[in-house]
Amino acid sequence: MSALTPKAKAFIGAAAALVLVAAATVIVATRARSGAASGAAGGHHRPLRPLGLDFFTQRSIGTPPEGAPWISDLLVVDLDGDGLKDILVADGRRNRISWIRQVRLGVFEEQDIGQPVAGPAHLEVADMNGTGHLDVLVSSMGVIPPNNDKVGSVIVLENDGTNHFTNRVLVQNMARVTYVAAAKLTNSGRLDLVVGAFGYLQGEVRWMENLGNWQFKSHPLLDLPGTVHAPVADLLGDGKPDIVALVTHNTEEVHVLWGDGLGHFRDQVVYGSSNKDYGMSGLCIADMNQDGRPDIVFTNGDGFDYAVPGSRPWHGVQWLENRGQGKFTFHRIGDFPGAYSPCVADLTGSGRLDIITCCGFNDWSDPEAVSLMCFENEGSGHFTPHVLAHYPTHLIVVRAADLFNDGRTELVTGAFMFYPPYEHVSRVTLWEPRP
């Protein structure tokens, strides 16, 4: 959620006019890079400078910001299979999904894809119909103000293989949908769906069994409002997919839905806060200590619920260490006001995974307010905080990837400019490590 929490998404697009005409904007930016080679994000090339304010350079990519952008999610993926990574954008201000395509190394062009989507909240890709082309899954909240109406939907932008995408509604008349992902949850060989609906007074997590020919059968899993993220991972290493659900709003809990590989799931709360204003805001899965077991990293930094949106002193970053056999150990990684959208990457070339997170809520009138932070993994469970940026502000989503196939990790951030001041406005920003 993840990137944007459903509390934020409740406000998406109410003031935005529905954009009905797709516009392609070409933003050309070149860069000189040498020694490029294939490699995963956070490869063995070690940057010369330490983590800090001058670690990255930044530049806007895609459509330049106009007014106060509302970017609700980003996804880094090679959508057209040309070997260059692109960025998918959920634009809540315009109610559109767009594709920032890397047409050649370091050169980006943005275009809208598909038809408008009301309140897009989360993006994933999968080849849903076995054509060999990646389709784009979108969770749609539908209506904007907080309410309990069944106006959410799950939409796939079906890829015909010629860079043309057509909207197909897979399910509708749900509580406001904030998460969707594809995974093989049974032995049918087909990609099923995991769907999270934040709703308001009512919400849920369900899985949708793929019956073929774009037909799905829904199976309820959690009857709770407030789902932000619900990624799939094999937490036990038994070859059976599990679901990890971050549920905020009323409960402030992390649930693991243990799967048996046949479509049956058992719920276990692996973390819960007694602070009902805890503000869970994002979750990702990563093996932080490289012991072969996937761990859970999550942030709490939501600030939309307050009369004056902003951070709280209990906001920060957490790690649930997977100890095996369904047991987890809680670690508080560090404080970070307004923390959102945790992601992991080896920024320093140490071979250890660092945690990067951005800030959606802070006192942006303070020039020292932090918008981007890295918690450097020193090993043995120790993390050192490093401020990466004070601006641009209002960053609600950050993604890490080796965008240029040179073994170094770039970041991409999206801004959700919900409240003033609007002095350091951005939309989609690319962060490139300095030599």
Protein backbone atom coordinates (compact mmCIF):
# COMPACT_ATOMS: atom_id res chain seq x y z
CA MET A 1 0.00 0.00 0.00
CA SER A 2 2.39 -0.03 -1.10
CA ALA A 3 2.29 2.56 -0.81
CA LEU A 4 -0.75 4.86 0.00
CA THR A 5 -2.94 3.85 2.93
CA PRO A 6 -6.67 3.60 2.43
CA LYS A 7 -7.19 6.46 4.87
CA ALA A 8 -5.37 8.62 2.38
CA LYS A 9 -7.04 7.02 -0.56
CA ALA A 10 -10.40 7.98 0.88
CA PHE A 11 -9.63 11.49 -0.27
CA ILE A 12 -8.22 10.67 -3.72
CA GLY A 13 -9.77 12.34 -6.69
CA ALA A 14 -12.77 14.08 -5.12
CA ALA A 15 -11.55 17.40 -6.42
CA ALA A 16 -10.04 15.99 -9.60
CA ALA A 17 -11.82 16.21 -12.96
CA LEU A 18 -12.01 12.89 -14.75
CA VAL A 19 -9.50 12.92 -17.59
CA LEU A 20 -11.05 11.28 -20.63
CA VAL A 21 -8.46 12.02 -23.26
CA ALA A 22 -5.18 10.11 -23.03
CA ALA A 23 -2.15 12.33 -23.39
CA ALA A 24 1.39 11.22 -24.05
CA THR A 25 4.08 13.42 -22.64
CA VAL A 26 7.66 12.90 -23.63
CA ILE A 27 10.28 13.91 -21.12
CA VAL A 28 13.74 13.25 -22.46
CA ALA A 29 16.67 13.11 -20.11
CA THR A 30 19.99 11.57 -20.99
CA ARG A 31 22.79 10.36 -18.83
CA ALA A 32 26.25 9.00 -19.49
CA ARG A 33 26.87 5.63 -17.93
CA SER A 34 29.82 3.34 -18.45
CA GLY A 35 30.42 -0.32 -17.80
CA ALA A 36 26.72 -1.20 -17.78
CA ALA A 37 26.09 -4.89 -17.22
CA SER A 38 23.19 -7.09 -16.28
CA GLY A 39 22.61 -7.37 -12.54
CA ALA A 40 20.09 -7.24 -9.72
CA ALA A 41 19.38 -4.14 -7.66
CA GLY A 42 22.06 -3.60 -5.08
CA GLY A 43 24.78 -5.56 -6.88
CA HIS A 44 28.49 -5.71 -6.09
CA HIS A 45 29.43 -2.25 -7.33
CA ARG A 46 30.19 -0.29 -4.17
CA PRO A 47 29.52 3.46 -4.32
CA LEU A 48 32.42 5.64 -3.23
CA ARG A 49 30.49 7.92 -0.91
CA PRO A 50 28.70 7.09 2.35
CA LEU A 51 24.96 7.23 2.73
CA GLY A 52 23.68 10.74 3.34
CA LEU A 53 22.24 13.84 1.74
CA ASP A 54 24.65 13.77 -1.21
CA PHE A 55 24.34 10.04 -1.94
CA PHE A 56 21.75 10.55 -4.69
CA THR A 57 21.09 13.06 -7.41
CA GLN A 58 17.44 13.57 -8.32
CA ARG A 59 15.48 14.49 -11.43
CA SER A 60 11.85 14.54 -12.44
CA ILE A 61 10.76 11.94 -14.99
CA GLY A 62 7.50 11.65 -16.87
CA THR A 63 4.86 14.36 -16.94
CA PRO A 64 6.00 17.48 -15.06
CA PRO A 65 3.98 18.26 -11.92
CA GLU A 66 1.01 20.56 -12.25
CA GLY A 67 -0.71 21.89 -9.16
CA ALA A 68 -0.57 19.40 -6.29
CA PRO A 69 -0.01 15.85 -7.64
CA TRP A 70 -1.59 12.81 -6.00
CA ILE A 71 0.57 9.80 -6.91
CA SER A 72 -0.84 6.82 -5.02
CA ASP A 73 1.44 4.00 -6.22
CA LEU A 74 4.43 3.18 -8.42
CA LEU A 75 5.69 -0.11 -9.83
CA VAL A 76 9.06 -0.74 -11.50
CA VAL A 77 8.73 -3.38 -14.22
CA ASP A 78 9.90 -4.11 -17.76
CA LEU A 79 6.39 -3.89 -19.16
CA ASP A 80 7.21 -4.35 -22.84
CA GLY A 81 9.98 -6.94 -22.39
CA ASP A 82 12.69 -4.90 -24.12
CA GLY A 83 15.24 -5.39 -21.34
CA LEU A 84 14.81 -1.89 -19.91
CA LYS A 85 12.87 -1.29 -16.70
CA ASP A 86 9.90 1.07 -16.81
CA ILE A 87 7.69 2.69 -14.15
CA LEU A 88 3.94 2.29 -13.86
CA VAL A 89 2.15 5.17 -12.16
CA ALA A 90 -1.20 5.30 -10.35
CA ASP A 91 -2.23 8.96 -10.60
CA GLY A 92 -5.00 9.69 -8.14
CA ARG A 93 -5.35 13.31 -9.21
CA ARG A 94 -6.12 12.33 -12.80
CA ASN A 95 -7.69 8.91 -12.09
CA ARG A 96 -5.38 7.36 -14.66
CA ILE A 97 -2.72 4.65 -14.93
CA SER A 98 0.31 5.75 -16.89
CA TRP A 99 3.47 4.08 -18.18
CA ILE A 100 6.81 5.88 -17.91
CA ARG A 101 8.64 3.84 -20.51
CA GLN A 102 12.43 3.72 -20.65
CA VAL A 103 12.78 3.88 -24.42
CA ARG A 104 16.56 3.74 -24.24
CA LEU A 105 18.99 3.83 -21.33
CA GLY A 106 18.10 6.81 -19.16
CA VAL A 107 15.50 8.23 -21.57
CA PHE A 108 11.88 8.16 -20.43
CA GLU A 109 8.52 8.83 -22.11
CA GLU A 110 5.16 8.80 -20.34
CA GLN A 111 1.78 7.86 -21.75
CA ASP A 112 -1.59 6.93 -20.29
CA ILE A 113 -2.69 3.33 -20.70
CA GLY A 114 -6.18 1.89 -20.60
CA GLN A 115 -9.25 3.87 -19.67
CA PRO A 116 -9.74 5.96 -16.49
CA VAL A 117 -9.81 4.16 -13.13
CA ALA A 118 -11.61 5.82 -10.21
CA GLY A 119 -9.29 6.21 -7.23
CA PRO A 120 -6.46 3.86 -8.28
CA ALA A 121 -4.73 2.60 -5.16
CA HIS A 122 -2.32 -0.25 -5.94
CA LEU A 123 -0.58 -1.72 -8.99
CA GLU A 124 0.72 -5.19 -9.81
CA VAL A 125 1.50 -7.00 -13.06
CA ALA A 126 0.93 -10.59 -14.13
CA ASP A 127 0.22 -12.55 -17.30
CA MET A 128 -3.35 -13.34 -16.31
CA ASN A 129 -4.46 -15.06 -19.51
CA GLY A 130 -1.29 -16.88 -20.58
CA THR A 131 -0.55 -14.77 -23.66
CA GLY A 132 3.05 -14.06 -22.69
CA HIS A 133 2.28 -10.38 -22.13
CA LEU A 134 2.12 -8.65 -18.75
CA ASP A 135 -1.32 -7.34 -17.79
CA VAL A 136 -1.70 -4.57 -15.19
CA LEU A 137 -3.80 -5.26 -12.10
CA VAL A 138 -5.34 -2.19 -10.45
CA SER A 139 -7.26 -1.86 -7.20
CA SER A 140 -9.91 0.83 -7.50
CA MET A 141 -11.44 2.53 -4.48
CA GLY A 142 -14.28 3.95 -6.54
CA VAL A 143 -15.75 6.60 -4.31
CA ILE A 144 -13.59 9.09 -2.45
CA PRO A 145 -15.05 10.28 0.90
CA PRO A 146 -15.04 7.73 3.73
CA ASN A 147 -18.22 5.66 3.57
CA ASN A 148 -19.37 2.09 3.63
CA ASP A 149 -20.79 1.89 0.11
CA LYS A 150 -19.86 -1.04 -2.13
CA VAL A 151 -18.13 0.99 -4.83
CA GLY A 152 -14.69 -0.64 -5.06
CA SER A 153 -13.51 -2.86 -7.89
CA VAL A 154 -10.61 -4.87 -9.26
CA ILE A 155 -9.61 -3.98 -12.79
CA VAL A 156 -7.09 -5.54 -15.16
CA LEU A 157 -5.61 -3.55 -18.01
CA GLU A 158 -5.37 -6.35 -20.54
CA ASN A 159 -2.23 -6.20 -22.68
CA ASP A 160 -2.66 -7.17 -26.33
CA GLY A 161 1.12 -7.30 -26.88
CA THR A 162 1.25 -4.12 -29.00
CA ASN A 163 1.50 -1.68 -26.07
CA HIS A 164 -2.28 -1.29 -26.08
CA PHE A 165 -4.25 -1.93 -22.88
CA THR A 166 -8.00 -2.45 -22.39
CA ASN A 167 -9.81 -2.22 -19.06
CA ARG A 168 -11.57 -5.37 -17.90
CA VAL A 169 -13.51 -5.35 -14.61
CA LEU A 170 -12.89 -8.58 -12.68
CA VAL A 171 -15.05 -7.79 -9.65
CA GLN A 172 -17.08 -4.77 -8.61
CA ASN A 173 -19.57 -3.60 -5.96
CA MET A 174 -17.06 -4.27 -3.18
CA ALA A 175 -15.99 -2.12 -0.28
CA ARG A 176 -13.28 0.27 -1.42
CA VAL A 177 -10.49 -1.92 -2.82
CA THR A 178 -6.94 -1.00 -1.85
CA TYR A 179 -4.86 -4.04 -2.77
CA VAL A 180 -4.72 -6.75 -5.42
CA ALA A 181 -2.02 -9.25 -6.37
CA ALA A 182 -1.84 -12.43 -8.45
CA ALA A 183 -0.47 -15.74 -7.16
CA LYS A 184 -0.98 -19.47 -7.63
CA LEU A 185 -2.83 -20.35 -4.43
CA THR A 186 -3.92 -23.86 -5.46
CA ASN A 187 -2.58 -26.61 -7.70
CA SER A 188 -4.78 -25.57 -10.64
CA GLY A 189 -1.85 -23.92 -12.41
CA ARG A 190 -3.84 -20.70 -12.88
CA LEU A 191 -3.10 -17.34 -11.28
CA ASP A 192 -5.57 -16.52 -8.55
CA LEU A 193 -6.03 -13.11 -6.91
CA VAL A 194 -5.61 -11.79 -3.38
CA VAL A 195 -7.80 -8.74 -2.79
CA GLY A 196 -7.82 -6.32 0.15
CA ALA A 197 -10.72 -3.95 0.74
CA PHE A 198 -10.25 -1.19 3.26
CA GLY A 199 -13.91 -0.21 3.18
CA TYR A 200 -14.86 1.96 6.13
CA LEU A 201 -17.07 0.34 8.77
CA GLN A 202 -16.79 -2.89 6.85
CA GLY A 203 -13.89 -4.29 4.84
CA GLU A 204 -12.27 -7.60 4.03
CA VAL A 205 -9.51 -9.74 2.62
CA ARG A 206 -10.58 -12.36 0.09
CA TRP A 207 -8.94 -14.62 -2.44
CA MET A 208 -10.47 -15.06 -5.86
CA GLU A 209 -10.15 -18.48 -7.46
CA ASN A 210 -9.37 -18.33 -11.16
CA LEU A 211 -11.86 -20.58 -12.95
CA GLY A 212 -10.53 -19.70 -16.39
CA ASN A 213 -11.87 -17.48 -19.17
CA TRP A 214 -11.77 -14.43 -16.85
CA GLN A 215 -14.19 -16.02 -14.37
CA PHE A 216 -13.41 -15.91 -10.64
CA LYS A 217 -14.97 -17.32 -7.48
CA SER A 218 -14.51 -15.33 -4.27
CA HIS A 219 -13.52 -16.90 -0.95
CA PRO A 220 -13.63 -14.70 2.20
CA LEU A 221 -10.59 -14.69 4.49
CA LEU A 222 -10.79 -11.73 6.90
CA ASP A 223 -13.90 -9.78 7.85
CA LEU A 224 -12.16 -6.59 8.98
CA PRO A 225 -11.92 -3.05 7.63
CA GLY A 226 -8.59 -1.37 7.06
CA THR A 227 -6.48 -3.65 4.84
CA VAL A 228 -3.52 -1.78 3.33
CA HIS A 229 -1.34 -4.54 1.86
CA ALA A 230 -1.70 -8.32 1.56
CA PRO A 231 1.30 -9.77 -0.30
CA VAL A 232 1.83 -13.49 -0.85
CA ALA A 233 4.94 -15.31 0.41
CA ASP A 234 5.97 -18.82 1.43
CA LEU A 235 6.87 -18.04 5.04
CA LEU A 236 7.39 -21.64 6.16
CA GLY A 237 9.36 -22.81 3.13
CA ASP A 238 6.92 -25.65 2.60
CA GLY A 239 6.00 -24.69 -0.95
CA LYS A 240 2.56 -23.47 0.15
CA PRO A 241 1.76 -19.78 -0.34
CA ASP A 242 0.76 -17.70 2.67
CA ILE A 243 -0.77 -14.20 2.78
CA VAL A 244 0.50 -11.38 4.99
CA ALA A 245 -2.14 -8.70 5.63
CA LEU A 246 -1.45 -5.28 7.14
CA VAL A 247 -4.71 -4.12 8.73
CA THR A 248 -5.04 -0.62 10.18
CA HIS A 249 -8.05 1.62 10.92
CA ASN A 250 -9.53 -0.14 13.98
CA THR A 251 -7.17 -3.00 14.78
CA GLU A 252 -3.55 -2.02 13.84
CA GLU A 253 -2.45 -5.61 13.27
CA VAL A 254 -0.31 -7.81 11.03
CA HIS A 255 -2.08 -11.04 10.09
CA VAL A 256 -0.55 -14.13 8.52
CA LEU A 257 -3.01 -16.31 6.67
CA TRP A 258 -1.26 -19.67 6.58
CA GLY A 259 -2.07 -21.57 3.37
CA ASP A 260 -2.30 -25.31 2.83
CA GLY A 261 -1.74 -25.08 -0.94
CA LEU A 262 -5.34 -26.10 -1.63
CA GLY A 263 -7.00 -22.74 -1.09
CA HIS A 264 -7.61 -23.02 2.66
CA PHE A 265 -6.08 -20.49 5.07
CA ARG A 266 -5.68 -20.21 8.84
CA ASP A 267 -5.47 -16.73 10.40
CA GLN A 268 -2.83 -15.76 12.97
CA VAL A 269 -2.14 -12.28 14.33
CA VAL A 270 1.66 -12.00 14.49
CA TYR A 271 1.75 -8.38 15.65
CA GLY A 272 -0.76 -5.95 17.11
CA SER A 273 -0.48 -2.51 18.66
CA SER A 274 -2.59 -1.36 21.59
CA ASN A 275 -2.22 2.21 20.24
CA LYS A 276 -5.30 2.73 18.06
CA ASP A 277 -3.55 5.74 16.47
CA TYR A 278 -0.51 3.62 15.58
CA GLY A 279 -1.02 4.42 11.89
CA MET A 280 0.22 1.35 10.01
CA SER A 281 1.13 2.54 6.53
CA GLY A 282 3.04 -0.06 4.49
CA LEU A 283 4.52 -3.55 4.41
CA CYS A 284 6.99 -5.58 2.36
CA ILE A 285 8.49 -9.07 2.50
CA ALA A 286 12.28 -9.57 2.52
CA ASP A 287 14.87 -11.90 4.05
CA MET A 288 16.56 -9.22 6.16
CA ASN A 289 19.11 -11.47 7.89
CA GLN A 290 19.61 -13.85 4.94
CA ASP A 291 18.74 -16.96 6.91
CA GLY A 292 16.54 -18.31 4.12
CA ARG A 293 13.26 -17.30 5.78
CA PRO A 294 11.20 -14.37 4.46
CA ASP A 295 10.71 -11.65 7.08
CA ILE A 296 8.11 -8.89 7.38
CA VAL A 297 9.07 -5.20 7.30
CA PHE A 298 6.40 -2.61 8.01
CA THR A 299 5.99 1.10 8.74
CA ASN A 300 3.60 3.12 10.84
CA GLY A 301 3.34 6.74 9.78
CA ASP A 302 -0.19 7.45 8.68
CA GLY A 303 -1.32 10.99 9.50
CA PHE A 304 -4.53 11.49 7.56
CA ASP A 305 -6.83 10.98 10.53
CA TYR A 306 -5.90 14.14 12.38
CA ALA A 307 -7.48 17.58 12.07
CA VAL A 308 -4.04 18.82 11.09
CA PRO A 309 -2.39 16.00 9.10
CA GLY A 310 1.10 15.23 10.27
CA SER A 311 3.51 12.90 12.03
CA ARG A 312 3.40 11.46 15.53
CA PRO A 313 6.32 10.53 17.84
CA TRP A 314 5.56 6.81 17.69
CA HIS A 315 5.94 6.61 13.91
CA GLY A 316 8.74 4.46 12.55
CA VAL A 317 9.99 1.23 10.96
CA GLN A 318 9.67 -2.34 12.26
CA TRP A 319 10.98 -5.80 11.37
CA LEU A 320 9.22 -9.05 12.24
CA GLU A 321 12.00 -11.61 12.10
CA ASN A 322 10.78 -14.99 10.89
CA ARG A 323 12.11 -17.57 13.38
CA GLY A 324 10.42 -20.49 11.66
CA GLN A 325 7.49 -22.69 12.66
CA GLY A 326 5.14 -19.71 12.65
CA LYS A 327 7.09 -17.67 15.19
CA PHE A 328 8.24 -14.06 14.77
CA THR A 329 10.42 -11.71 16.80
CA PHE A 330 9.61 -8.00 16.79
CA HIS A 331 12.41 -5.46 16.23
CA ARG A 332 11.95 -1.70 16.28
CA ILE A 333 14.36 -0.55 13.56
CA GLY A 334 14.06 3.17 14.22
CA ASP A 335 11.92 6.27 14.50
CA PHE A 336 10.81 8.15 11.41
CA PRO A 337 7.91 10.63 11.51
CA GLY A 338 5.33 9.98 8.80
CA ALA A 339 7.03 6.76 7.61
CA TYR A 340 5.52 5.15 4.52
CA SER A 341 6.22 2.58 1.82
CA PRO A 342 9.11 0.45 3.14
CA CYS A 343 11.31 -1.21 0.53
CA VAL A 344 14.64 -3.02 0.80
CA ALA A 345 17.81 -2.95 -1.28
CA ASP A 346 21.56 -3.15 -0.80
CA LEU A 347 22.43 0.50 -1.37
CA THR A 348 26.06 0.28 -0.26
CA GLY A 349 27.19 -2.98 -1.87
CA SER A 350 27.76 -4.56 1.54
CA GLY A 351 25.76 -7.66 0.69
CA ARG A 352 23.19 -6.74 3.37
CA LEU A 353 19.69 -5.43 2.77
CA ASP A 354 19.02 -1.86 3.87
CA ILE A 355 15.54 -0.43 4.48
CA ILE A 356 14.45 2.65 2.55
CA THR A 357 11.29 4.53 3.47
CA CYS A 358 9.74 7.87 2.62
CA CYS A 359 7.68 10.39 4.55
CA GLY A 360 4.12 11.31 3.67
CA PHE A 361 3.40 13.46 6.73
CA ASN A 362 5.68 15.94 8.42
CA ASP A 363 5.91 19.59 9.33
CA TRP A 364 6.90 20.71 5.84
CA SER A 365 7.30 24.30 7.02
CA ASP A 366 10.43 23.05 8.83
CA PRO A 367 13.36 22.96 6.36
CA GLU A 368 14.92 20.16 8.43
CA ALA A 369 11.91 17.86 8.06
CA VAL A 370 13.03 14.58 6.49
CA SER A 371 11.32 13.22 3.37
CA LEU A 372 13.54 10.20 2.54
CA MET A 373 15.43 7.93 4.92
CA CYS A 374 17.61 4.82 4.79
CA PHE A 375 18.25 2.47 7.68
CA GLU A 376 21.62 0.91 6.83
CA ASN A 377 21.94 -2.75 7.76
CA GLU A 378 25.16 -3.11 9.74
CA GLY A 379 24.56 -6.82 10.40
CA SER A 380 23.61 -8.70 13.56
CA GLY A 381 20.28 -6.89 13.69
CA HIS A 382 21.79 -3.39 13.91
CA PHE A 383 20.58 -0.56 11.66
CA THR A 384 21.96 2.98 11.34
CA PRO A 385 19.62 5.77 10.17
CA HIS A 386 20.76 8.08 7.37
CA VAL A 387 18.84 11.10 6.10
CA LEU A 388 18.78 10.96 2.29
CA ALA A 389 16.66 14.04 1.54
CA HIS A 390 14.63 16.91 2.97
CA TYR A 391 12.85 17.61 -0.30
CA PRO A 392 10.83 17.05 -2.40
CA THR A 393 8.19 16.68 0.30
CA HIS A 394 4.96 14.70 0.74
CA LEU A 395 6.50 11.44 -0.56
CA ILE A 396 3.98 8.62 -0.20
CA VAL A 397 5.68 5.84 -2.17
CA VAL A 398 9.28 4.78 -2.86
CA ARG A 399 10.53 1.89 -4.99
CA ALA A 400 14.09 0.56 -5.36
CA ALA A 401 15.48 -1.16 -8.46
CA ASP A 402 18.52 -1.42 -10.70
CA LEU A 403 16.98 0.66 -13.48
CA PHE A 404 20.06 0.76 -15.69
CA ASN A 405 21.37 -2.82 -15.38
CA ASP A 406 24.70 -1.73 -13.92
CA GLY A 407 24.47 -3.34 -10.48
CA ARG A 408 23.59 -0.12 -8.67
CA THR A 409 20.27 0.70 -7.06
CA GLU A 410 18.15 3.67 -8.09
CA LEU A 411 15.05 4.90 -6.27
CA VAL A 412 11.78 6.21 -7.67
CA THR A 413 9.40 8.25 -5.50
CA GLY A 414 5.87 9.53 -5.91
CA ALA A 415 4.38 12.55 -4.14
CA PHE A 416 0.90 12.90 -2.68
CA MET A 417 0.56 16.65 -2.05
CA PHE A 418 -2.44 16.57 0.26
CA TYR A 419 -1.84 19.49 2.61
CA PRO A 420 0.27 22.69 2.58
CA PRO A 421 2.85 24.04 2.29
CA TYR A 422 3.47 23.14 -1.37
CA GLU A 423 6.97 24.56 -1.69
CA HIS A 424 8.92 21.55 -2.97
CA VAL A 425 6.44 20.03 -5.37
CA SER A 426 7.21 16.85 -7.29
CA ARG A 427 5.31 14.12 -9.08
CA VAL A 428 7.60 11.20 -9.99
CA THR A 429 11.27 11.58 -9.10
CA LEU A 430 14.24 9.41 -10.08
CA TRP A 431 17.09 9.18 -7.56
CA GLU A 432 20.46 8.12 -9.02
CA PRO A 433 23.51 7.27 -6.88
CA ARG A 434 26.49 9.52 -7.36
CA PRO A 435 29.79 7.92 -8.45
